[in-house]
Amino acid sequence: MTPKEYLEQAVYLDQRINSKLTQVENLRSLATKVTTVYSDTPSNSAPDCQRLEKTIAKIIDLENDINRDIDRLVDLKKEITETINKIPDLRHRTILEMRYLSFRTWEQIAVALDHDIRHVYRLHGEALKEVKFSERCH
C-alpha cells in the first residue's frame, strides 16, 4: 500500500457512509409510501405488512452497518492524524490534513493556503514522501 492509498482510506470510507445514508433515506421513503387501491373485491393486506417489515429490517441492518463504519472512520482518522503529526514540515502536515482528514478539494486547499494549485500539488508530493505508516490490516 502506498502512502497515498493509506491516507485515502478515510475519504473512501466517508463516501461509503454517505452512500449508505442515502440508501437508508431511500428505504425510509419507500417504507412510508402508501398506495390506496379502490376495489369491490376484498384484499389481503398481509403481503404489504410483510413487505414493510422486510424494509424496516433492511433499514435497521443498514443503520447498524453505518454505525460500524462510523466507528471505523473515527479510529482511522485518529490513526491517520497520528501519522500526519509525525511529519516535521508544518506546510506538508497542513496539506495532508486538509486533503485526507477534512476532505477538501485541491482548489479549496490552494485558496485556503493562498498558493497556486501547482505549488500545492508539488508540496503534496513532497509530503507523501514523508509519510511513514505501519501496514497493519487496513
N, C-alpha and C. Protein backbone atom coordinates (compact mmCIF):
# COMPACT_ATOMS: atom_id res chain seq x y z
N MET A 1 0.85 -1.17 0.00
CA MET A 1 0.00 0.00 0.00
C MET A 1 0.90 1.24 0.00
N THR A 2 0.57 2.17 -0.87
CA THR A 2 1.35 3.40 -0.94
C THR A 2 0.87 4.37 0.14
N PRO A 3 1.68 5.39 0.46
CA PRO A 3 1.23 6.39 1.43
C PRO A 3 -0.09 7.05 1.01
N LYS A 4 -0.24 7.33 -0.26
CA LYS A 4 -1.47 7.97 -0.75
C LYS A 4 -2.67 7.03 -0.55
N GLU A 5 -2.52 5.76 -0.87
CA GLU A 5 -3.60 4.79 -0.68
C GLU A 5 -3.97 4.68 0.81
N TYR A 6 -2.94 4.70 1.66
CA TYR A 6 -3.17 4.64 3.10
C TYR A 6 -4.02 5.83 3.55
N LEU A 7 -3.64 7.03 3.12
CA LEU A 7 -4.34 8.24 3.54
C LEU A 7 -5.75 8.32 2.94
N GLU A 8 -5.94 7.81 1.73
CA GLU A 8 -7.23 7.88 1.06
C GLU A 8 -8.29 6.96 1.66
N GLN A 9 -7.89 6.06 2.52
CA GLN A 9 -8.86 5.13 3.13
C GLN A 9 -10.01 5.88 3.80
N ALA A 10 -9.68 6.96 4.50
CA ALA A 10 -10.71 7.72 5.21
C ALA A 10 -11.68 8.37 4.23
N VAL A 11 -11.16 8.87 3.12
CA VAL A 11 -12.02 9.51 2.10
C VAL A 11 -13.03 8.50 1.58
N TYR A 12 -12.53 7.33 1.21
CA TYR A 12 -13.42 6.30 0.64
C TYR A 12 -14.41 5.78 1.66
N LEU A 13 -13.98 5.63 2.90
CA LEU A 13 -14.90 5.17 3.94
C LEU A 13 -15.98 6.21 4.19
N ASP A 14 -15.62 7.48 4.19
CA ASP A 14 -16.59 8.55 4.35
C ASP A 14 -17.61 8.53 3.20
N GLN A 15 -17.13 8.31 1.99
CA GLN A 15 -18.03 8.24 0.83
C GLN A 15 -18.98 7.05 0.93
N ARG A 16 -18.47 5.92 1.42
CA ARG A 16 -19.33 4.74 1.59
C ARG A 16 -20.41 5.01 2.63
N ILE A 17 -20.04 5.69 3.72
CA ILE A 17 -21.02 6.02 4.76
C ILE A 17 -22.11 6.91 4.17
N ASN A 18 -21.70 7.91 3.41
CA ASN A 18 -22.69 8.81 2.79
C ASN A 18 -23.60 8.07 1.82
N SER A 19 -23.04 7.12 1.09
CA SER A 19 -23.84 6.32 0.17
C SER A 19 -24.86 5.48 0.93
N LYS A 20 -24.43 4.89 2.03
CA LYS A 20 -25.35 4.08 2.83
C LYS A 20 -26.43 4.94 3.47
N LEU A 21 -26.08 6.16 3.88
CA LEU A 21 -27.08 7.06 4.44
C LEU A 21 -28.14 7.40 3.40
N THR A 22 -27.72 7.57 2.17
CA THR A 22 -28.66 7.82 1.08
C THR A 22 -29.56 6.61 0.88
N GLN A 23 -29.00 5.42 0.97
CA GLN A 23 -29.79 4.20 0.83
C GLN A 23 -30.84 4.10 1.93
N VAL A 24 -30.46 4.45 3.16
CA VAL A 24 -31.41 4.42 4.28
C VAL A 24 -32.54 5.42 4.02
N GLU A 25 -32.16 6.60 3.56
CA GLU A 25 -33.16 7.62 3.25
C GLU A 25 -34.15 7.11 2.19
N ASN A 26 -33.63 6.46 1.16
CA ASN A 26 -34.49 5.92 0.11
C ASN A 26 -35.41 4.81 0.64
N LEU A 27 -34.85 3.96 1.50
CA LEU A 27 -35.67 2.88 2.08
C LEU A 27 -36.76 3.46 2.99
N ARG A 28 -36.43 4.48 3.76
CA ARG A 28 -37.43 5.12 4.62
C ARG A 28 -38.55 5.72 3.77
N SER A 29 -38.16 6.35 2.69
CA SER A 29 -39.15 6.93 1.79
C SER A 29 -40.06 5.85 1.21
N LEU A 30 -39.46 4.75 0.82
CA LEU A 30 -40.22 3.63 0.27
C LEU A 30 -41.17 3.04 1.32
N ALA A 31 -40.69 2.95 2.55
CA ALA A 31 -41.50 2.35 3.61
C ALA A 31 -42.69 3.22 3.98
N THR A 32 -42.59 4.52 3.77
CA THR A 32 -43.68 5.40 4.17
C THR A 32 -44.67 5.67 3.05
N LYS A 33 -44.37 5.17 1.87
CA LYS A 33 -45.31 5.34 0.76
C LYS A 33 -46.51 4.42 0.96
N VAL A 34 -47.67 4.99 0.79
CA VAL A 34 -48.90 4.22 0.93
C VAL A 34 -49.69 4.40 -0.35
N THR A 35 -50.11 3.29 -0.89
CA THR A 35 -50.96 3.37 -2.08
C THR A 35 -52.33 2.81 -1.75
N THR A 36 -53.31 3.50 -2.19
CA THR A 36 -54.68 3.08 -1.95
C THR A 36 -55.24 2.50 -3.23
N VAL A 37 -55.82 1.32 -3.11
CA VAL A 37 -56.43 0.68 -4.26
C VAL A 37 -57.92 0.56 -3.95
N TYR A 38 -58.73 1.11 -4.84
CA TYR A 38 -60.18 1.04 -4.68
C TYR A 38 -60.70 -0.14 -5.49
N SER A 39 -61.35 -1.05 -4.78
CA SER A 39 -61.87 -2.23 -5.45
C SER A 39 -63.04 -2.78 -4.65
N ASP A 40 -63.95 -3.46 -5.34
CA ASP A 40 -65.07 -4.11 -4.66
C ASP A 40 -64.65 -5.45 -4.07
N THR A 41 -63.51 -5.93 -4.53
CA THR A 41 -63.02 -7.22 -4.08
C THR A 41 -62.21 -7.05 -2.80
N PRO A 42 -62.46 -7.89 -1.80
CA PRO A 42 -61.66 -7.80 -0.58
C PRO A 42 -60.19 -8.11 -0.89
N SER A 43 -59.31 -7.40 -0.20
CA SER A 43 -57.88 -7.62 -0.45
C SER A 43 -57.21 -8.22 0.76
N ASN A 44 -56.12 -8.86 0.50
CA ASN A 44 -55.30 -9.44 1.56
C ASN A 44 -54.17 -8.46 1.84
N SER A 45 -54.16 -7.87 3.03
CA SER A 45 -53.16 -6.85 3.34
C SER A 45 -51.89 -7.44 3.95
N ALA A 46 -51.87 -8.73 4.18
CA ALA A 46 -50.70 -9.36 4.80
C ALA A 46 -49.41 -9.18 3.99
N PRO A 47 -49.43 -9.35 2.66
CA PRO A 47 -48.19 -9.16 1.92
C PRO A 47 -47.58 -7.77 2.09
N ASP A 48 -48.44 -6.72 2.18
CA ASP A 48 -47.93 -5.36 2.37
C ASP A 48 -47.25 -5.23 3.73
N CYS A 49 -47.81 -5.85 4.76
CA CYS A 49 -47.21 -5.80 6.09
C CYS A 49 -45.84 -6.50 6.09
N GLN A 50 -45.79 -7.63 5.38
CA GLN A 50 -44.52 -8.34 5.30
C GLN A 50 -43.48 -7.51 4.56
N ARG A 51 -43.92 -6.84 3.51
CA ARG A 51 -43.01 -6.01 2.75
C ARG A 51 -42.49 -4.87 3.62
N LEU A 52 -43.37 -4.26 4.40
CA LEU A 52 -42.98 -3.19 5.31
C LEU A 52 -42.00 -3.70 6.36
N GLU A 53 -42.29 -4.87 6.91
CA GLU A 53 -41.39 -5.45 7.91
C GLU A 53 -40.01 -5.72 7.32
N LYS A 54 -39.97 -6.25 6.11
CA LYS A 54 -38.68 -6.52 5.46
C LYS A 54 -37.91 -5.23 5.20
N THR A 55 -38.62 -4.19 4.79
CA THR A 55 -37.98 -2.90 4.53
C THR A 55 -37.41 -2.33 5.83
N ILE A 56 -38.18 -2.40 6.90
CA ILE A 56 -37.71 -1.91 8.20
C ILE A 56 -36.50 -2.70 8.67
N ALA A 57 -36.52 -4.01 8.46
CA ALA A 57 -35.37 -4.84 8.84
C ALA A 57 -34.12 -4.44 8.04
N LYS A 58 -34.31 -4.15 6.75
CA LYS A 58 -33.19 -3.70 5.92
C LYS A 58 -32.64 -2.36 6.42
N ILE A 59 -33.55 -1.48 6.81
CA ILE A 59 -33.12 -0.17 7.34
C ILE A 59 -32.29 -0.36 8.60
N ILE A 60 -32.76 -1.20 9.51
CA ILE A 60 -32.05 -1.45 10.76
C ILE A 60 -30.67 -2.06 10.49
N ASP A 61 -30.61 -3.04 9.59
CA ASP A 61 -29.33 -3.66 9.25
C ASP A 61 -28.36 -2.64 8.65
N LEU A 62 -28.86 -1.81 7.77
CA LEU A 62 -28.03 -0.80 7.13
C LEU A 62 -27.56 0.24 8.13
N GLU A 63 -28.43 0.64 9.05
CA GLU A 63 -28.03 1.61 10.08
C GLU A 63 -26.97 1.02 11.01
N ASN A 64 -27.08 -0.26 11.33
CA ASN A 64 -26.05 -0.92 12.14
C ASN A 64 -24.72 -0.94 11.40
N ASP A 65 -24.79 -1.22 10.10
CA ASP A 65 -23.60 -1.22 9.25
C ASP A 65 -22.97 0.18 9.21
N ILE A 66 -23.80 1.20 9.09
CA ILE A 66 -23.31 2.58 9.08
C ILE A 66 -22.62 2.91 10.40
N ASN A 67 -23.21 2.51 11.50
CA ASN A 67 -22.60 2.78 12.81
C ASN A 67 -21.23 2.12 12.94
N ARG A 68 -21.11 0.89 12.43
CA ARG A 68 -19.80 0.22 12.45
C ARG A 68 -18.79 0.98 11.59
N ASP A 69 -19.25 1.44 10.41
CA ASP A 69 -18.37 2.20 9.52
C ASP A 69 -17.95 3.52 10.16
N ILE A 70 -18.87 4.18 10.84
CA ILE A 70 -18.54 5.44 11.51
C ILE A 70 -17.50 5.21 12.59
N ASP A 71 -17.66 4.13 13.36
CA ASP A 71 -16.66 3.80 14.39
C ASP A 71 -15.30 3.57 13.75
N ARG A 72 -15.29 2.85 12.64
CA ARG A 72 -14.04 2.58 11.93
C ARG A 72 -13.44 3.88 11.39
N LEU A 73 -14.29 4.77 10.87
CA LEU A 73 -13.80 6.05 10.34
C LEU A 73 -13.15 6.89 11.43
N VAL A 74 -13.77 6.93 12.59
CA VAL A 74 -13.22 7.69 13.71
C VAL A 74 -11.85 7.13 14.10
N ASP A 75 -11.75 5.80 14.20
CA ASP A 75 -10.47 5.17 14.53
C ASP A 75 -9.43 5.42 13.45
N LEU A 76 -9.84 5.31 12.20
CA LEU A 76 -8.93 5.52 11.08
C LEU A 76 -8.43 6.95 11.03
N LYS A 77 -9.32 7.92 11.24
CA LYS A 77 -8.91 9.32 11.23
C LYS A 77 -7.94 9.61 12.37
N LYS A 78 -8.15 8.99 13.51
CA LYS A 78 -7.22 9.16 14.63
C LYS A 78 -5.84 8.62 14.25
N GLU A 79 -5.82 7.45 13.64
CA GLU A 79 -4.58 6.82 13.22
C GLU A 79 -3.87 7.68 12.15
N ILE A 80 -4.63 8.17 11.18
CA ILE A 80 -4.05 9.00 10.13
C ILE A 80 -3.53 10.31 10.71
N THR A 81 -4.26 10.88 11.67
CA THR A 81 -3.81 12.11 12.34
C THR A 81 -2.48 11.88 13.02
N GLU A 82 -2.35 10.77 13.71
CA GLU A 82 -1.08 10.45 14.40
C GLU A 82 0.05 10.30 13.38
N THR A 83 -0.24 9.69 12.25
CA THR A 83 0.75 9.51 11.20
C THR A 83 1.18 10.87 10.63
N ILE A 84 0.20 11.71 10.33
CA ILE A 84 0.49 13.03 9.76
C ILE A 84 1.26 13.89 10.76
N ASN A 85 0.93 13.79 12.04
CA ASN A 85 1.59 14.61 13.05
C ASN A 85 3.08 14.29 13.21
N LYS A 86 3.52 13.18 12.69
CA LYS A 86 4.94 12.81 12.75
C LYS A 86 5.76 13.52 11.68
N ILE A 87 5.09 14.16 10.72
CA ILE A 87 5.79 14.85 9.64
C ILE A 87 6.29 16.19 10.18
N PRO A 88 7.59 16.47 10.02
CA PRO A 88 8.15 17.69 10.61
C PRO A 88 7.70 18.99 9.95
N ASP A 89 7.47 19.00 8.65
CA ASP A 89 7.14 20.24 7.93
C ASP A 89 5.66 20.60 8.13
N LEU A 90 5.41 21.76 8.72
CA LEU A 90 4.06 22.21 9.01
C LEU A 90 3.22 22.37 7.74
N ARG A 91 3.81 22.87 6.66
CA ARG A 91 3.07 23.03 5.40
C ARG A 91 2.60 21.68 4.88
N HIS A 92 3.48 20.70 4.95
CA HIS A 92 3.13 19.35 4.49
C HIS A 92 2.00 18.76 5.34
N ARG A 93 2.13 18.91 6.66
CA ARG A 93 1.08 18.40 7.55
C ARG A 93 -0.26 19.05 7.24
N THR A 94 -0.24 20.36 7.04
CA THR A 94 -1.47 21.10 6.78
C THR A 94 -2.15 20.61 5.51
N ILE A 95 -1.38 20.46 4.46
CA ILE A 95 -1.96 19.98 3.19
C ILE A 95 -2.54 18.59 3.35
N LEU A 96 -1.82 17.70 4.01
CA LEU A 96 -2.33 16.33 4.19
C LEU A 96 -3.60 16.32 5.05
N GLU A 97 -3.62 17.14 6.10
CA GLU A 97 -4.81 17.21 6.95
C GLU A 97 -6.01 17.74 6.17
N MET A 98 -5.78 18.80 5.40
CA MET A 98 -6.89 19.38 4.65
C MET A 98 -7.43 18.40 3.61
N ARG A 99 -6.53 17.66 2.98
CA ARG A 99 -6.93 16.75 1.91
C ARG A 99 -7.55 15.45 2.45
N TYR A 100 -6.89 14.83 3.42
CA TYR A 100 -7.27 13.47 3.82
C TYR A 100 -8.09 13.38 5.11
N LEU A 101 -8.16 14.47 5.86
CA LEU A 101 -8.98 14.45 7.07
C LEU A 101 -10.19 15.38 6.96
N SER A 102 -10.02 16.49 6.23
CA SER A 102 -11.13 17.42 6.03
C SER A 102 -11.79 17.23 4.67
N PHE A 103 -11.20 16.38 3.83
CA PHE A 103 -11.74 16.02 2.52
C PHE A 103 -11.94 17.23 1.61
N ARG A 104 -11.00 18.16 1.66
CA ARG A 104 -11.08 19.34 0.80
C ARG A 104 -10.54 19.04 -0.59
N THR A 105 -11.03 19.79 -1.58
CA THR A 105 -10.54 19.65 -2.94
C THR A 105 -9.21 20.38 -3.06
N TRP A 106 -8.49 20.10 -4.16
CA TRP A 106 -7.21 20.78 -4.40
C TRP A 106 -7.43 22.28 -4.51
N GLU A 107 -8.49 22.67 -5.16
CA GLU A 107 -8.79 24.08 -5.34
C GLU A 107 -9.05 24.76 -3.99
N GLN A 108 -9.80 24.10 -3.12
CA GLN A 108 -10.07 24.66 -1.80
C GLN A 108 -8.79 24.81 -0.99
N ILE A 109 -7.91 23.83 -1.09
CA ILE A 109 -6.64 23.89 -0.37
C ILE A 109 -5.79 25.05 -0.90
N ALA A 110 -5.72 25.19 -2.22
CA ALA A 110 -4.92 26.25 -2.83
C ALA A 110 -5.43 27.62 -2.38
N VAL A 111 -6.73 27.80 -2.36
CA VAL A 111 -7.31 29.08 -1.94
C VAL A 111 -7.02 29.32 -0.46
N ALA A 112 -7.24 28.32 0.37
CA ALA A 112 -7.03 28.46 1.81
C ALA A 112 -5.58 28.81 2.15
N LEU A 113 -4.65 28.25 1.40
CA LEU A 113 -3.23 28.49 1.67
C LEU A 113 -2.66 29.64 0.85
N ASP A 114 -3.50 30.21 -0.02
CA ASP A 114 -3.08 31.30 -0.89
C ASP A 114 -1.87 30.88 -1.74
N HIS A 115 -1.99 29.69 -2.34
CA HIS A 115 -0.94 29.15 -3.20
C HIS A 115 -1.53 28.83 -4.57
N ASP A 116 -0.68 28.82 -5.56
CA ASP A 116 -1.06 28.31 -6.87
C ASP A 116 -1.30 26.80 -6.72
N ILE A 117 -2.27 26.28 -7.46
CA ILE A 117 -2.62 24.86 -7.31
C ILE A 117 -1.44 23.95 -7.66
N ARG A 118 -0.61 24.35 -8.62
CA ARG A 118 0.57 23.54 -8.97
C ARG A 118 1.54 23.46 -7.80
N HIS A 119 1.65 24.55 -7.05
CA HIS A 119 2.52 24.56 -5.87
C HIS A 119 1.96 23.61 -4.81
N VAL A 120 0.65 23.59 -4.67
CA VAL A 120 0.01 22.68 -3.72
C VAL A 120 0.29 21.23 -4.12
N TYR A 121 0.17 20.93 -5.43
CA TYR A 121 0.48 19.58 -5.92
C TYR A 121 1.92 19.20 -5.58
N ARG A 122 2.84 20.13 -5.79
CA ARG A 122 4.25 19.86 -5.53
C ARG A 122 4.49 19.59 -4.04
N LEU A 123 3.90 20.46 -3.20
CA LEU A 123 4.04 20.26 -1.75
C LEU A 123 3.40 18.95 -1.30
N HIS A 124 2.29 18.59 -1.92
CA HIS A 124 1.62 17.33 -1.60
C HIS A 124 2.53 16.15 -1.93
N GLY A 125 3.16 16.21 -3.10
CA GLY A 125 4.10 15.15 -3.48
C GLY A 125 5.25 15.02 -2.50
N GLU A 126 5.77 16.15 -2.06
CA GLU A 126 6.85 16.13 -1.05
C GLU A 126 6.33 15.55 0.26
N ALA A 127 5.12 15.93 0.64
CA ALA A 127 4.53 15.46 1.90
C ALA A 127 4.34 13.95 1.88
N LEU A 128 3.89 13.42 0.75
CA LEU A 128 3.67 11.97 0.65
C LEU A 128 4.97 11.19 0.87
N LYS A 129 6.08 11.76 0.46
CA LYS A 129 7.37 11.10 0.65
C LYS A 129 7.75 11.01 2.12
N GLU A 130 7.16 11.86 2.95
CA GLU A 130 7.46 11.87 4.38
C GLU A 130 6.54 10.96 5.20
N VAL A 131 5.48 10.46 4.58
CA VAL A 131 4.50 9.65 5.31
C VAL A 131 5.08 8.28 5.62
N LYS A 132 5.10 7.95 6.88
CA LYS A 132 5.56 6.64 7.35
C LYS A 132 4.43 6.02 8.16
N PHE A 133 4.01 4.83 7.75
CA PHE A 133 2.92 4.17 8.43
C PHE A 133 3.22 2.69 8.52
N SER A 134 2.58 2.05 9.49
CA SER A 134 2.74 0.60 9.61
C SER A 134 1.61 -0.04 8.85
N GLU A 135 1.94 -1.04 8.04
CA GLU A 135 0.91 -1.71 7.23
C GLU A 135 0.27 -2.83 8.01
N ARG A 136 -0.68 -2.42 8.84
CA ARG A 136 -1.49 -3.42 9.53
C ARG A 136 -2.67 -3.73 8.64
N CYS A 137 -3.60 -4.48 9.14
CA CYS A 137 -4.80 -4.80 8.36
C CYS A 137 -5.66 -3.55 8.22
N HIS A 138 -5.69 -2.98 7.04
CA HIS A 138 -6.50 -1.78 6.79
C HIS A 138 -7.58 -2.12 5.82
